[in-house]
Amino acid sequence: MVSGAQDFGARCRLDTGHAARLAIMIEELVTNLVEHGGIGAHGVVELVLTQEEGVIAIALSDTGVAFDLRAVD
């Protein structure tokens, strides 16, 4: 996933600092999914990065357990 974010940054001609921050964000999102989302060894994570008019959008979906804030004390 991180290498995909790095490739995306290169294709979009992000400067080094922005590309590094994007890679860190993706790494943190995926790490949280694995550690807290119950993904498991056979889980699937899909990452879609897009850029339009200077704005980067991150869409992330997974097959882990859904989080329900109402269930938290």
Protein backbone atom coordinates (compact mmCIF):
# COMPACT_ATOMS: atom_id res chain seq x y z
CA MET A 1 0.00 0.00 0.00
CA VAL A 2 2.77 2.42 0.90
CA SER A 3 4.59 1.77 -2.37
CA GLY A 4 1.31 2.43 -4.19
CA ALA A 5 1.00 5.76 -2.37
CA GLN A 6 4.59 6.59 -3.32
CA ASP A 7 3.90 5.75 -6.97
CA PHE A 8 0.77 7.91 -6.87
CA GLY A 9 2.78 10.80 -5.41
CA ALA A 10 5.34 10.49 -8.18
CA ARG A 11 2.66 10.40 -10.90
CA CYS A 12 1.01 13.49 -9.41
CA ARG A 13 4.39 15.21 -9.11
CA LEU A 14 4.05 15.80 -5.38
CA ASP A 15 7.08 17.32 -3.73
CA THR A 16 9.10 15.07 -1.46
CA GLY A 17 7.51 16.33 1.77
CA HIS A 18 3.92 15.91 0.59
CA ALA A 19 4.66 12.49 -0.88
CA ALA A 20 6.21 11.36 2.42
CA ARG A 21 3.21 12.62 4.42
CA LEU A 22 0.81 10.82 2.08
CA ALA A 23 2.77 7.56 2.51
CA ILE A 24 2.72 7.96 6.31
CA MET A 25 -1.06 8.58 6.32
CA ILE A 26 -1.67 5.46 4.22
CA GLU A 27 0.63 3.38 6.42
CA GLU A 28 -1.18 4.55 9.58
CA LEU A 29 -4.64 3.90 8.10
CA VAL A 30 -3.74 0.37 7.03
CA THR A 31 -1.95 -0.37 10.32
CA ASN A 32 -5.07 0.70 12.24
CA LEU A 33 -7.24 -1.53 10.05
CA VAL A 34 -5.04 -4.53 10.74
CA GLU A 35 -4.60 -3.88 14.46
CA HIS A 36 -8.13 -2.77 15.33
CA GLY A 37 -10.41 -3.75 12.45
CA GLY A 38 -10.23 -7.51 12.64
CA ILE A 39 -9.00 -7.86 9.05
CA GLY A 40 -7.20 -11.16 9.61
CA ALA A 41 -4.83 -12.99 7.28
CA HIS A 42 -7.40 -13.38 4.51
CA GLY A 43 -8.92 -9.92 4.75
CA VAL A 44 -9.02 -7.51 1.83
CA VAL A 45 -8.09 -3.84 1.89
CA GLU A 46 -8.79 -1.66 -1.13
CA LEU A 47 -7.14 1.74 -1.51
CA VAL A 48 -8.09 4.27 -4.17
CA LEU A 49 -6.18 7.54 -4.48
CA THR A 50 -7.36 10.29 -6.80
CA GLN A 51 -6.29 13.83 -7.49
CA GLU A 52 -8.42 16.52 -9.04
CA GLU A 53 -7.70 20.22 -9.14
CA GLY A 54 -4.93 19.92 -6.57
CA VAL A 55 -7.01 17.94 -4.06
CA ILE A 56 -6.09 14.36 -3.14
CA ALA A 57 -8.89 12.03 -2.08
CA ILE A 58 -8.29 8.79 -0.18
CA ALA A 59 -10.91 6.03 -0.32
CA LEU A 60 -10.23 2.99 1.82
CA SER A 61 -12.45 -0.05 2.24
CA ASP A 62 -11.90 -3.36 3.97
CA THR A 63 -13.52 -6.62 4.97
CA GLY A 64 -12.90 -6.11 8.69
CA VAL A 65 -15.38 -5.67 11.50
CA ALA A 66 -17.45 -2.48 11.27
CA PHE A 67 -16.95 0.03 14.09
CA ASP A 68 -20.11 1.21 15.80
CA LEU A 69 -19.52 4.24 18.00
CA ARG A 70 -22.84 3.59 19.76
CA ALA A 71 -21.37 0.38 21.19
CA VAL A 72 -18.59 2.27 22.99
CA ASP A 73 -19.13 3.15 26.65
